[in-house]
Amino acid sequence: MAPRLRGVRDQALMRHGYCGAHTESPMPLFEYRCAKCSTEFERLVAPSQRDAPQKCANPKCESTETKKLVSRTSFSLKGGGWASDGYSE
């Protein structure tokens, strides 16, 4: 049975060809922006290589002048619990 895609990260992993038996990534997914053409792209990169220059995803540019972006998290506090009990004050 194929794994159920739960969110944006899982969908991005499938776009990059990851189709394992579980939805955990073997490598982190990082976002980059090209300094020359401003193309933003995602790449599965080993943690030891995350700061190494990445080739732009735009086939017309292919620059290695890229910058790693800070990705938004999908974490949110909803409902009861410590956030509504006054612990955040």
PDB file of N, CA and C in Angstrom:
ATOM      1  N   MET A   1       0.835  -1.172   0.000  1.00  0.00           N
ATOM      2  CA  MET A   1       0.000   0.000   0.000  1.00  0.00           C
ATOM      3  C   MET A   1       0.886   1.244   0.000  1.00  0.00           C
ATOM      4  N   ALA A   2       0.566   2.208  -0.821  1.00  0.00           N
ATOM      5  CA  ALA A   2       1.352   3.443  -0.932  1.00  0.00           C
ATOM      6  C   ALA A   2       1.149   4.305   0.306  1.00  0.00           C
ATOM      7  N   PRO A   3       2.189   5.052   0.717  1.00  0.00           N
ATOM      8  CA  PRO A   3       2.034   5.930   1.877  1.00  0.00           C
ATOM      9  C   PRO A   3       1.070   7.069   1.573  1.00  0.00           C
ATOM     10  N   ARG A   4       0.332   7.469   2.590  1.00  0.00           N
ATOM     11  CA  ARG A   4      -0.608   8.583   2.439  1.00  0.00           C
ATOM     12  C   ARG A   4       0.151   9.895   2.570  1.00  0.00           C
ATOM     13  N   LEU A   5      -0.026  10.794   1.613  1.00  0.00           N
ATOM     14  CA  LEU A   5       0.637  12.091   1.676  1.00  0.00           C
ATOM     15  C   LEU A   5      -0.099  12.972   2.661  1.00  0.00           C
ATOM     16  N   ARG A   6       0.642  13.517   3.621  1.00  0.00           N
ATOM     17  CA  ARG A   6       0.007  14.275   4.685  1.00  0.00           C
ATOM     18  C   ARG A   6       0.083  15.779   4.512  1.00  0.00           C
ATOM     19  N   GLY A   7       1.040  16.277   3.799  1.00  0.00           N
ATOM     20  CA  GLY A   7       1.159  17.724   3.710  1.00  0.00           C
ATOM     21  C   GLY A   7       2.080  18.160   2.596  1.00  0.00           C
ATOM     22  N   VAL A   8       2.434  19.434   2.638  1.00  0.00           N
ATOM     23  CA  VAL A   8       3.262  20.044   1.607  1.00  0.00           C
ATOM     24  C   VAL A   8       4.620  19.358   1.521  1.00  0.00           C
ATOM     25  N   ARG A   9       5.216  19.036   2.668  1.00  0.00           N
ATOM     26  CA  ARG A   9       6.535  18.391   2.669  1.00  0.00           C
ATOM     27  C   ARG A   9       6.482  17.038   1.963  1.00  0.00           C
ATOM     28  N   ASP A  10       5.467  16.234   2.265  1.00  0.00           N
ATOM     29  CA  ASP A  10       5.343  14.929   1.624  1.00  0.00           C
ATOM     30  C   ASP A  10       5.141  15.068   0.120  1.00  0.00           C
ATOM     31  N   GLN A  11       4.343  16.041  -0.286  1.00  0.00           N
ATOM     32  CA  GLN A  11       4.120  16.267  -1.713  1.00  0.00           C
ATOM     33  C   GLN A  11       5.419  16.688  -2.393  1.00  0.00           C
ATOM     34  N   ALA A  12       6.217  17.514  -1.721  1.00  0.00           N
ATOM     35  CA  ALA A  12       7.502  17.943  -2.286  1.00  0.00           C
ATOM     36  C   ALA A  12       8.449  16.752  -2.406  1.00  0.00           C
ATOM     37  N   LEU A  13       8.433  15.863  -1.414  1.00  0.00           N
ATOM     38  CA  LEU A  13       9.285  14.680  -1.478  1.00  0.00           C
ATOM     39  C   LEU A  13       8.910  13.811  -2.668  1.00  0.00           C
ATOM     40  N   MET A  14       7.629  13.672  -2.937  1.00  0.00           N
ATOM     41  CA  MET A  14       7.190  12.879  -4.084  1.00  0.00           C
ATOM     42  C   MET A  14       7.627  13.539  -5.393  1.00  0.00           C
ATOM     43  N   ARG A  15       7.585  14.879  -5.463  1.00  0.00           N
ATOM     44  CA  ARG A  15       8.050  15.585  -6.664  1.00  0.00           C
ATOM     45  C   ARG A  15       9.521  15.296  -6.922  1.00  0.00           C
ATOM     46  N   HIS A  16      10.280  15.086  -5.844  1.00  0.00           N
ATOM     47  CA  HIS A  16      11.709  14.838  -5.978  1.00  0.00           C
ATOM     48  C   HIS A  16      12.038  13.349  -6.104  1.00  0.00           C
ATOM     49  N   GLY A  17      11.002  12.515  -6.262  1.00  0.00           N
ATOM     50  CA  GLY A  17      11.229  11.111  -6.530  1.00  0.00           C
ATOM     51  C   GLY A  17      11.321  10.208  -5.312  1.00  0.00           C
ATOM     52  N   TYR A  18      11.057  10.713  -4.128  1.00  0.00           N
ATOM     53  CA  TYR A  18      11.110   9.867  -2.943  1.00  0.00           C
ATOM     54  C   TYR A  18       9.790   9.126  -2.809  1.00  0.00           C
ATOM     55  N   CYS A  19       9.828   7.830  -2.835  1.00  0.00           N
ATOM     56  CA  CYS A  19       8.594   7.045  -2.714  1.00  0.00           C
ATOM     57  C   CYS A  19       8.825   5.842  -1.812  1.00  0.00           C
ATOM     58  N   GLY A  20       9.407   6.078  -0.641  1.00  0.00           N
ATOM     59  CA  GLY A  20       9.711   4.999   0.293  1.00  0.00           C
ATOM     60  C   GLY A  20       8.469   4.439   0.951  1.00  0.00           C
ATOM     61  N   ALA A  21       8.683   3.449   1.814  1.00  0.00           N
ATOM     62  CA  ALA A  21       7.573   2.791   2.482  1.00  0.00           C
ATOM     63  C   ALA A  21       7.001   3.636   3.613  1.00  0.00           C
ATOM     64  N   HIS A  22       7.680   4.687   3.979  1.00  0.00           N
ATOM     65  CA  HIS A  22       7.185   5.592   5.010  1.00  0.00           C
ATOM     66  C   HIS A  22       7.367   7.019   4.512  1.00  0.00           C
ATOM     67  N   THR A  23       6.815   7.971   5.246  1.00  0.00           N
ATOM     68  CA  THR A  23       6.853   9.355   4.764  1.00  0.00           C
ATOM     69  C   THR A  23       8.006  10.157   5.346  1.00  0.00           C
ATOM     70  N   GLU A  24       8.896   9.519   6.102  1.00  0.00           N
ATOM     71  CA  GLU A  24      10.052  10.237   6.627  1.00  0.00           C
ATOM     72  C   GLU A  24      11.095  10.401   5.532  1.00  0.00           C
ATOM     73  N   SER A  25      11.683  11.557   5.468  1.00  0.00           N
ATOM     74  CA  SER A  25      12.685  11.858   4.456  1.00  0.00           C
ATOM     75  C   SER A  25      14.035  11.293   4.854  1.00  0.00           C
ATOM     76  N   PRO A  26      14.767  10.676   3.916  1.00  0.00           N
ATOM     77  CA  PRO A  26      16.116  10.223   4.227  1.00  0.00           C
ATOM     78  C   PRO A  26      17.074  11.406   4.347  1.00  0.00           C
ATOM     79  N   MET A  27      16.720  12.528   3.740  1.00  0.00           N
ATOM     80  CA  MET A  27      17.521  13.748   3.813  1.00  0.00           C
ATOM     81  C   MET A  27      16.566  14.929   3.962  1.00  0.00           C
ATOM     82  N   PRO A  28      17.023  16.008   4.597  1.00  0.00           N
ATOM     83  CA  PRO A  28      16.166  17.182   4.749  1.00  0.00           C
ATOM     84  C   PRO A  28      15.900  17.870   3.414  1.00  0.00           C
ATOM     85  N   LEU A  29      14.766  18.526   3.345  1.00  0.00           N
ATOM     86  CA  LEU A  29      14.377  19.299   2.174  1.00  0.00           C
ATOM     87  C   LEU A  29      14.696  20.757   2.466  1.00  0.00           C
ATOM     88  N   PHE A  30      15.549  21.371   1.636  1.00  0.00           N
ATOM     89  CA  PHE A  30      15.930  22.768   1.822  1.00  0.00           C
ATOM     90  C   PHE A  30      15.416  23.599   0.656  1.00  0.00           C
ATOM     91  N   GLU A  31      15.150  24.867   0.937  1.00  0.00           N
ATOM     92  CA  GLU A  31      14.731  25.806  -0.103  1.00  0.00           C
ATOM     93  C   GLU A  31      15.882  26.757  -0.393  1.00  0.00           C
ATOM     94  N   TYR A  32      16.051  27.076  -1.664  1.00  0.00           N
ATOM     95  CA  TYR A  32      17.130  27.967  -2.110  1.00  0.00           C
ATOM     96  C   TYR A  32      16.574  29.017  -3.055  1.00  0.00           C
ATOM     97  N   ARG A  33      17.291  30.141  -3.188  1.00  0.00           N
ATOM     98  CA  ARG A  33      16.968  31.178  -4.164  1.00  0.00           C
ATOM     99  C   ARG A  33      18.241  31.504  -4.941  1.00  0.00           C
ATOM    100  N   CYS A  34      18.100  31.577  -6.264  1.00  0.00           N
ATOM    101  CA  CYS A  34      19.223  31.915  -7.139  1.00  0.00           C
ATOM    102  C   CYS A  34      19.466  33.421  -7.078  1.00  0.00           C
ATOM    103  N   ALA A  35      20.719  33.822  -6.934  1.00  0.00           N
ATOM    104  CA  ALA A  35      21.071  35.234  -6.874  1.00  0.00           C
ATOM    105  C   ALA A  35      20.984  35.917  -8.238  1.00  0.00           C
ATOM    106  N   LYS A  36      21.119  35.149  -9.308  1.00  0.00           N
ATOM    107  CA  LYS A  36      21.087  35.743 -10.654  1.00  0.00           C
ATOM    108  C   LYS A  36      19.678  35.912 -11.209  1.00  0.00           C
ATOM    109  N   CYS A  37      18.854  34.853 -11.120  1.00  0.00           N
ATOM    110  CA  CYS A  37      17.537  34.916 -11.764  1.00  0.00           C
ATOM    111  C   CYS A  37      16.373  34.920 -10.763  1.00  0.00           C
ATOM    112  N   SER A  38      16.649  34.865  -9.463  1.00  0.00           N
ATOM    113  CA  SER A  38      15.653  34.886  -8.382  1.00  0.00           C
ATOM    114  C   SER A  38      14.718  33.682  -8.365  1.00  0.00           C
ATOM    115  N   THR A  39      15.075  32.614  -9.043  1.00  0.00           N
ATOM    116  CA  THR A  39      14.272  31.393  -9.015  1.00  0.00           C
ATOM    117  C   THR A  39      14.377  30.758  -7.633  1.00  0.00           C
ATOM    118  N   GLU A  40      13.231  30.378  -7.051  1.00  0.00           N
ATOM    119  CA  GLU A  40      13.225  29.658  -5.786  1.00  0.00           C
ATOM    120  C   GLU A  40      12.959  28.197  -6.084  1.00  0.00           C
ATOM    121  N   PHE A  41      13.719  27.304  -5.425  1.00  0.00           N
ATOM    122  CA  PHE A  41      13.574  25.878  -5.671  1.00  0.00           C
ATOM    123  C   PHE A  41      13.871  25.089  -4.415  1.00  0.00           C
ATOM    124  N   GLU A  42      13.405  23.840  -4.394  1.00  0.00           N
ATOM    125  CA  GLU A  42      13.616  22.931  -3.271  1.00  0.00           C
ATOM    126  C   GLU A  42      14.607  21.861  -3.686  1.00  0.00           C
ATOM    127  N   ARG A  43      15.370  21.379  -2.711  1.00  0.00           N
ATOM    128  CA  ARG A  43      16.341  20.344  -3.008  1.00  0.00           C
ATOM    129  C   ARG A  43      16.506  19.456  -1.782  1.00  0.00           C
ATOM    130  N   LEU A  44      16.533  18.152  -1.992  1.00  0.00           N
ATOM    131  CA  LEU A  44      16.870  17.212  -0.921  1.00  0.00           C
ATOM    132  C   LEU A  44      18.383  17.180  -0.820  1.00  0.00           C
ATOM    133  N   VAL A  45      18.909  17.583   0.327  1.00  0.00           N
ATOM    134  CA  VAL A  45      20.357  17.727   0.490  1.00  0.00           C
ATOM    135  C   VAL A  45      20.779  17.114   1.822  1.00  0.00           C
ATOM    136  N   ALA A  46      21.878  16.408   1.798  1.00  0.00           N
ATOM    137  CA  ALA A  46      22.436  15.870   3.039  1.00  0.00           C
ATOM    138  C   ALA A  46      22.773  17.032   3.967  1.00  0.00           C
ATOM    139  N   PRO A  47      22.539  16.883   5.275  1.00  0.00           N
ATOM    140  CA  PRO A  47      22.817  17.978   6.200  1.00  0.00           C
ATOM    141  C   PRO A  47      24.243  18.515   6.091  1.00  0.00           C
ATOM    142  N   SER A  48      25.193  17.665   5.788  1.00  0.00           N
ATOM    143  CA  SER A  48      26.589  18.120   5.677  1.00  0.00           C
ATOM    144  C   SER A  48      26.819  18.974   4.433  1.00  0.00           C
ATOM    145  N   GLN A  49      25.893  18.914   3.458  1.00  0.00           N
ATOM    146  CA  GLN A  49      26.051  19.663   2.209  1.00  0.00           C
ATOM    147  C   GLN A  49      25.077  20.828   2.076  1.00  0.00           C
ATOM    148  N   ARG A  50      24.316  21.141   3.139  1.00  0.00           N
ATOM    149  CA  ARG A  50      23.266  22.150   3.020  1.00  0.00           C
ATOM    150  C   ARG A  50      23.776  23.549   2.688  1.00  0.00           C
ATOM    151  N   ASP A  51      24.992  23.887   3.121  1.00  0.00           N
ATOM    152  CA  ASP A  51      25.548  25.212   2.838  1.00  0.00           C
ATOM    153  C   ASP A  51      26.423  25.229   1.593  1.00  0.00           C
ATOM    154  N   ALA A  52      26.614  24.088   0.958  1.00  0.00           N
ATOM    155  CA  ALA A  52      27.405  24.025  -0.278  1.00  0.00           C
ATOM    156  C   ALA A  52      26.617  24.682  -1.418  1.00  0.00           C
ATOM    157  N   PRO A  53      27.299  25.283  -2.389  1.00  0.00           N
ATOM    158  CA  PRO A  53      26.584  25.900  -3.514  1.00  0.00           C
ATOM    159  C   PRO A  53      25.721  24.874  -4.245  1.00  0.00           C
ATOM    160  N   GLN A  54      24.484  25.262  -4.542  1.00  0.00           N
ATOM    161  CA  GLN A  54      23.560  24.397  -5.259  1.00  0.00           C
ATOM    162  C   GLN A  54      23.322  24.974  -6.651  1.00  0.00           C
ATOM    163  N   LYS A  55      23.183  24.115  -7.621  1.00  0.00           N
ATOM    164  CA  LYS A  55      22.923  24.546  -8.993  1.00  0.00           C
ATOM    165  C   LYS A  55      21.469  25.002  -9.111  1.00  0.00           C
ATOM    166  N   CYS A  56      21.253  26.152  -9.735  1.00  0.00           N
ATOM    167  CA  CYS A  56      19.914  26.704  -9.923  1.00  0.00           C
ATOM    168  C   CYS A  56      19.037  25.716 -10.696  1.00  0.00           C
ATOM    169  N   ALA A  57      17.763  25.653 -10.329  1.00  0.00           N
ATOM    170  CA  ALA A  57      16.825  24.738 -10.981  1.00  0.00           C
ATOM    171  C   ALA A  57      16.347  25.257 -12.336  1.00  0.00           C
ATOM    172  N   ASN A  58      16.611  26.523 -12.622  1.00  0.00           N
ATOM    173  CA  ASN A  58      16.210  27.110 -13.904  1.00  0.00           C
ATOM    174  C   ASN A  58      17.200  26.646 -14.976  1.00  0.00           C
ATOM    175  N   PRO A  59      16.752  25.877 -15.979  1.00  0.00           N
ATOM    176  CA  PRO A  59      17.678  25.349 -16.991  1.00  0.00           C
ATOM    177  C   PRO A  59      18.342  26.433 -17.840  1.00  0.00           C
ATOM    178  N   LYS A  60      17.763  27.623 -17.899  1.00  0.00           N
ATOM    179  CA  LYS A  60      18.369  28.716 -18.665  1.00  0.00           C
ATOM    180  C   LYS A  60      19.468  29.420 -17.878  1.00  0.00           C
ATOM    181  N   CYS A  61      19.441  29.288 -16.557  1.00  0.00           N
ATOM    182  CA  CYS A  61      20.415  29.990 -15.703  1.00  0.00           C
ATOM    183  C   CYS A  61      21.546  29.056 -15.271  1.00  0.00           C
ATOM    184  N   GLU A  62      21.217  28.006 -14.519  1.00  0.00           N
ATOM    185  CA  GLU A  62      22.163  27.027 -14.004  1.00  0.00           C
ATOM    186  C   GLU A  62      23.320  27.626 -13.191  1.00  0.00           C
ATOM    187  N   SER A  63      23.085  28.762 -12.579  1.00  0.00           N
ATOM    188  CA  SER A  63      24.098  29.396 -11.733  1.00  0.00           C
ATOM    189  C   SER A  63      24.271  28.594 -10.441  1.00  0.00           C
ATOM    190  N   THR A  64      25.421  28.735  -9.813  1.00  0.00           N
ATOM    191  CA  THR A  64      25.635  28.133  -8.496  1.00  0.00           C
ATOM    192  C   THR A  64      25.652  29.205  -7.412  1.00  0.00           C
ATOM    193  N   GLU A  65      25.270  30.426  -7.760  1.00  0.00           N
ATOM    194  CA  GLU A  65      25.178  31.515  -6.789  1.00  0.00           C
ATOM    195  C   GLU A  65      23.797  31.466  -6.154  1.00  0.00           C
ATOM    196  N   THR A  66      23.629  30.566  -5.190  1.00  0.00           N
ATOM    197  CA  THR A  66      22.350  30.384  -4.537  1.00  0.00           C
ATOM    198  C   THR A  66      22.469  30.624  -3.048  1.00  0.00           C
ATOM    199  N   LYS A  67      21.335  30.933  -2.421  1.00  0.00           N
ATOM    200  CA  LYS A  67      21.297  31.182  -0.987  1.00  0.00           C
ATOM    201  C   LYS A  67      20.225  30.297  -0.371  1.00  0.00           C
ATOM    202  N   LYS A  68      20.556  29.646   0.744  1.00  0.00           N
ATOM    203  CA  LYS A  68      19.582  28.814   1.443  1.00  0.00           C
ATOM    204  C   LYS A  68      18.589  29.724   2.149  1.00  0.00           C
ATOM    205  N   LEU A  69      17.299  29.430   1.969  1.00  0.00           N
ATOM    206  CA  LEU A  69      16.236  30.220   2.585  1.00  0.00           C
ATOM    207  C   LEU A  69      15.800  29.587   3.899  1.00  0.00           C
ATOM    208  N   VAL A  70      15.196  30.381   4.748  1.00  0.00           N
ATOM    209  CA  VAL A  70      14.612  29.867   5.981  1.00  0.00           C
ATOM    210  C   VAL A  70      13.166  29.519   5.657  1.00  0.00           C
ATOM    211  N   SER A  71      12.837  28.254   5.756  1.00  0.00           N
ATOM    212  CA  SER A  71      11.503  27.778   5.400  1.00  0.00           C
ATOM    213  C   SER A  71      10.505  28.052   6.511  1.00  0.00           C
ATOM    214  N   ARG A  72       9.250  28.236   6.118  1.00  0.00           N
ATOM    215  CA  ARG A  72       8.183  28.384   7.099  1.00  0.00           C
ATOM    216  C   ARG A  72       7.854  27.017   7.677  1.00  0.00           C
ATOM    217  N   THR A  73       7.491  27.010   8.919  1.00  0.00           N
ATOM    218  CA  THR A  73       7.110  25.758   9.566  1.00  0.00           C
ATOM    219  C   THR A  73       5.605  25.557   9.467  1.00  0.00           C
ATOM    220  N   SER A  74       5.172  24.331   9.573  1.00  0.00           N
ATOM    221  CA  SER A  74       3.744  24.048   9.551  1.00  0.00           C
ATOM    222  C   SER A  74       3.198  23.898  10.972  1.00  0.00           C
ATOM    223  N   PHE A  75       4.018  24.184  11.971  1.00  0.00           N
ATOM    224  CA  PHE A  75       3.636  24.060  13.379  1.00  0.00           C
ATOM    225  C   PHE A  75       2.670  25.177  13.753  1.00  0.00           C
ATOM    226  N   SER A  76       1.578  24.819  14.397  1.00  0.00           N
ATOM    227  CA  SER A  76       0.652  25.824  14.919  1.00  0.00           C
ATOM    228  C   SER A  76      -0.015  25.285  16.176  1.00  0.00           C
ATOM    229  N   LEU A  77      -0.340  26.179  17.072  1.00  0.00           N
ATOM    230  CA  LEU A  77      -1.013  25.799  18.308  1.00  0.00           C
ATOM    231  C   LEU A  77      -2.507  26.017  18.126  1.00  0.00           C
ATOM    232  N   LYS A  78      -3.272  24.966  18.369  1.00  0.00           N
ATOM    233  CA  LYS A  78      -4.725  25.056  18.220  1.00  0.00           C
ATOM    234  C   LYS A  78      -5.388  24.425  19.431  1.00  0.00           C
ATOM    235  N   GLY A  79      -6.559  24.905  19.753  1.00  0.00           N
ATOM    236  CA  GLY A  79      -7.349  24.289  20.810  1.00  0.00           C
ATOM    237  C   GLY A  79      -6.827  24.596  22.199  1.00  0.00           C
ATOM    238  N   GLY A  80      -7.162  23.726  23.139  1.00  0.00           N
ATOM    239  CA  GLY A  80      -6.761  23.906  24.532  1.00  0.00           C
ATOM    240  C   GLY A  80      -5.319  23.512  24.737  1.00  0.00           C
ATOM    241  N   GLY A  81      -4.958  23.386  26.025  1.00  0.00           N
ATOM    242  CA  GLY A  81      -3.582  23.008  26.323  1.00  0.00           C
ATOM    243  C   GLY A  81      -2.807  24.163  26.912  1.00  0.00           C
ATOM    244  N   TRP A  82      -1.498  24.019  26.903  1.00  0.00           N
ATOM    245  CA  TRP A  82      -0.655  24.994  27.592  1.00  0.00           C
ATOM    246  C   TRP A  82      -0.763  26.397  27.009  1.00  0.00           C
ATOM    247  N   ALA A  83      -1.043  26.556  25.724  1.00  0.00           N
ATOM    248  CA  ALA A  83      -1.139  27.889  25.128  1.00  0.00           C
ATOM    249  C   ALA A  83      -2.340  28.657  25.677  1.00  0.00           C
ATOM    250  N   SER A  84      -3.430  27.963  25.951  1.00  0.00           N
ATOM    251  CA  SER A  84      -4.623  28.645  26.461  1.00  0.00           C
ATOM    252  C   SER A  84      -4.698  28.637  27.982  1.00  0.00           C
ATOM    253  N   ASP A  85      -3.795  27.918  28.649  1.00  0.00           N
ATOM    254  CA  ASP A  85      -3.791  27.820  30.115  1.00  0.00           C
ATOM    255  C   ASP A  85      -2.924  28.892  30.783  1.00  0.00           C
ATOM    256  N   GLY A  86      -2.378  29.813  30.027  1.00  0.00           N
ATOM    257  CA  GLY A  86      -1.602  30.884  30.612  1.00  0.00           C
ATOM    258  C   GLY A  86      -0.118  30.640  30.679  1.00  0.00           C
ATOM    259  N   TYR A  87       0.371  29.547  30.151  1.00  0.00           N
ATOM    260  CA  TYR A  87       1.812  29.278  30.183  1.00  0.00           C
ATOM    261  C   TYR A  87       2.579  30.177  29.236  1.00  0.00           C
ATOM    262  N   SER A  88       1.898  30.768  28.268  1.00  0.00           N
ATOM    263  CA  SER A  88       2.602  31.612  27.293  1.00  0.00           C
ATOM    264  C   SER A  88       2.791  33.035  27.797  1.00  0.00           C
ATOM    265  N   GLU A  89       2.262  33.354  28.978  1.00  0.00           N
ATOM    266  CA  GLU A  89       2.371  34.721  29.506  1.00  0.00           C
ATOM    267  C   GLU A  89       3.686  34.939  30.210  1.00  0.00           C
TER     268      GLU A  89
END
